Amino acid sequence: KGYIISSNWDDYGFHKGEGVYNHPTLSWSVIKKHLDFAYRSFYLSPGFIIRRLGKSIKQGTIIKDIKTFLKTKW
């Protein structure tokens, strides 16, 4: 039906997607808005943050993880 635009796998990725798929009723901006909401809802949930913090402390990557968190565009 022509929904998939690109067959190049390099075009696909977590933050990519525009230009690889045509939804019949949703614009890319609407899809992106909901994708961003889902991403923030998961990664900024208290449960995830607590688990990730514990893992970072155990692995000794807490400073690196905090820097990554602060660089992320939420």
C-alpha atoms as a PDB file:
ATOM      1  CA  LYS A   1       0.000   0.000   0.000  1.00  0.00           C
ATOM      2  CA  GLY A   2       3.003   2.288  -0.107  1.00  0.00           C
ATOM      3  CA  TYR A   3       3.362   2.944   3.623  1.00  0.00           C
ATOM      4  CA  ILE A   4       7.060   2.115   3.773  1.00  0.00           C
ATOM      5  CA  ILE A   5       9.085   4.652   1.825  1.00  0.00           C
ATOM      6  CA  SER A   6      12.669   3.546   2.418  1.00  0.00           C
ATOM      7  CA  SER A   7      14.154   0.091   2.201  1.00  0.00           C
ATOM      8  CA  ASN A   8      17.550   1.387   3.343  1.00  0.00           C
ATOM      9  CA  TRP A   9      18.062   0.106   6.895  1.00  0.00           C
ATOM     10  CA  ASP A  10      20.458   2.974   7.651  1.00  0.00           C
ATOM     11  CA  ASP A  11      17.440   5.304   7.560  1.00  0.00           C
ATOM     12  CA  TYR A  12      15.835   3.491  10.476  1.00  0.00           C
ATOM     13  CA  GLY A  13      16.779   4.180  14.065  1.00  0.00           C
ATOM     14  CA  PHE A  14      15.328   5.139  17.402  1.00  0.00           C
ATOM     15  CA  HIS A  15      15.241   8.869  16.749  1.00  0.00           C
ATOM     16  CA  LYS A  16      14.877   8.548  13.016  1.00  0.00           C
ATOM     17  CA  GLY A  17      11.767   7.615  11.160  1.00  0.00           C
ATOM     18  CA  GLU A  18      10.714  10.658   9.227  1.00  0.00           C
ATOM     19  CA  GLY A  19      10.842   9.828   5.577  1.00  0.00           C
ATOM     20  CA  VAL A  20      10.722   6.055   6.009  1.00  0.00           C
ATOM     21  CA  TYR A  21       7.022   5.540   6.651  1.00  0.00           C
ATOM     22  CA  ASN A  22       3.799   7.201   5.523  1.00  0.00           C
ATOM     23  CA  HIS A  23       0.900   6.701   7.893  1.00  0.00           C
ATOM     24  CA  PRO A  24      -2.443   7.028   6.118  1.00  0.00           C
ATOM     25  CA  THR A  25      -4.060   9.272   8.749  1.00  0.00           C
ATOM     26  CA  LEU A  26      -1.296  10.627  11.018  1.00  0.00           C
ATOM     27  CA  SER A  27       1.329  13.189  10.141  1.00  0.00           C
ATOM     28  CA  TRP A  28       4.922  12.630  11.186  1.00  0.00           C
ATOM     29  CA  SER A  29       4.666  15.519  13.670  1.00  0.00           C
ATOM     30  CA  VAL A  30       1.795  13.785  15.507  1.00  0.00           C
ATOM     31  CA  ILE A  31       3.644  10.462  15.554  1.00  0.00           C
ATOM     32  CA  LYS A  32       6.814  12.183  16.790  1.00  0.00           C
ATOM     33  CA  LYS A  33       4.886  14.017  19.523  1.00  0.00           C
ATOM     34  CA  HIS A  34       3.488  10.749  20.878  1.00  0.00           C
ATOM     35  CA  LEU A  35       6.811   8.950  20.522  1.00  0.00           C
ATOM     36  CA  ASP A  36       8.543  11.699  22.509  1.00  0.00           C
ATOM     37  CA  PHE A  37       5.829  11.543  25.181  1.00  0.00           C
ATOM     38  CA  ALA A  38       6.215   7.768  25.520  1.00  0.00           C
ATOM     39  CA  TYR A  39      10.003   8.071  25.666  1.00  0.00           C
ATOM     40  CA  ARG A  40       9.895  10.740  28.392  1.00  0.00           C
ATOM     41  CA  SER A  41       7.174   8.908  30.339  1.00  0.00           C
ATOM     42  CA  PHE A  42       9.295   5.776  30.516  1.00  0.00           C
ATOM     43  CA  TYR A  43      12.766   7.197  31.094  1.00  0.00           C
ATOM     44  CA  LEU A  44      11.679   9.907  33.527  1.00  0.00           C
ATOM     45  CA  SER A  45       9.488   7.615  35.617  1.00  0.00           C
ATOM     46  CA  PRO A  46      10.599   7.327  39.252  1.00  0.00           C
ATOM     47  CA  GLY A  47      10.892   3.542  39.042  1.00  0.00           C
ATOM     48  CA  PHE A  48      13.222   3.627  36.065  1.00  0.00           C
ATOM     49  CA  ILE A  49      15.342   6.396  37.572  1.00  0.00           C
ATOM     50  CA  ILE A  50      15.747   4.505  40.861  1.00  0.00           C
ATOM     51  CA  ARG A  51      16.675   1.238  39.107  1.00  0.00           C
ATOM     52  CA  ARG A  52      19.087   3.022  36.786  1.00  0.00           C
ATOM     53  CA  LEU A  53      20.648   4.945  39.655  1.00  0.00           C
ATOM     54  CA  GLY A  54      21.233   1.719  41.597  1.00  0.00           C
ATOM     55  CA  LYS A  55      22.760   0.057  38.551  1.00  0.00           C
ATOM     56  CA  SER A  56      24.994   3.079  37.895  1.00  0.00           C
ATOM     57  CA  ILE A  57      26.271   3.063  41.463  1.00  0.00           C
ATOM     58  CA  LYS A  58      27.022  -0.683  41.334  1.00  0.00           C
ATOM     59  CA  GLN A  59      28.813  -0.390  37.991  1.00  0.00           C
ATOM     60  CA  GLY A  60      30.657   2.791  38.903  1.00  0.00           C
ATOM     61  CA  THR A  61      29.201   4.732  35.973  1.00  0.00           C
ATOM     62  CA  ILE A  62      27.173   7.256  37.943  1.00  0.00           C
ATOM     63  CA  ILE A  63      29.115  10.344  36.785  1.00  0.00           C
ATOM     64  CA  LYS A  64      29.012   9.272  33.134  1.00  0.00           C
ATOM     65  CA  ASP A  65      25.292   8.509  33.373  1.00  0.00           C
ATOM     66  CA  ILE A  66      24.506  11.862  34.979  1.00  0.00           C
ATOM     67  CA  LYS A  67      26.430  13.655  32.219  1.00  0.00           C
ATOM     68  CA  THR A  68      24.514  11.699  29.577  1.00  0.00           C
ATOM     69  CA  PHE A  69      21.212  12.499  31.276  1.00  0.00           C
ATOM     70  CA  LEU A  70      22.019  16.209  31.361  1.00  0.00           C
ATOM     71  CA  LYS A  71      23.025  16.231  27.676  1.00  0.00           C
ATOM     72  CA  THR A  72      19.817  14.512  26.559  1.00  0.00           C
ATOM     73  CA  LYS A  73      17.214  16.755  24.944  1.00  0.00           C
ATOM     74  CA  TRP A  74      14.025  15.997  26.819  1.00  0.00           C
END
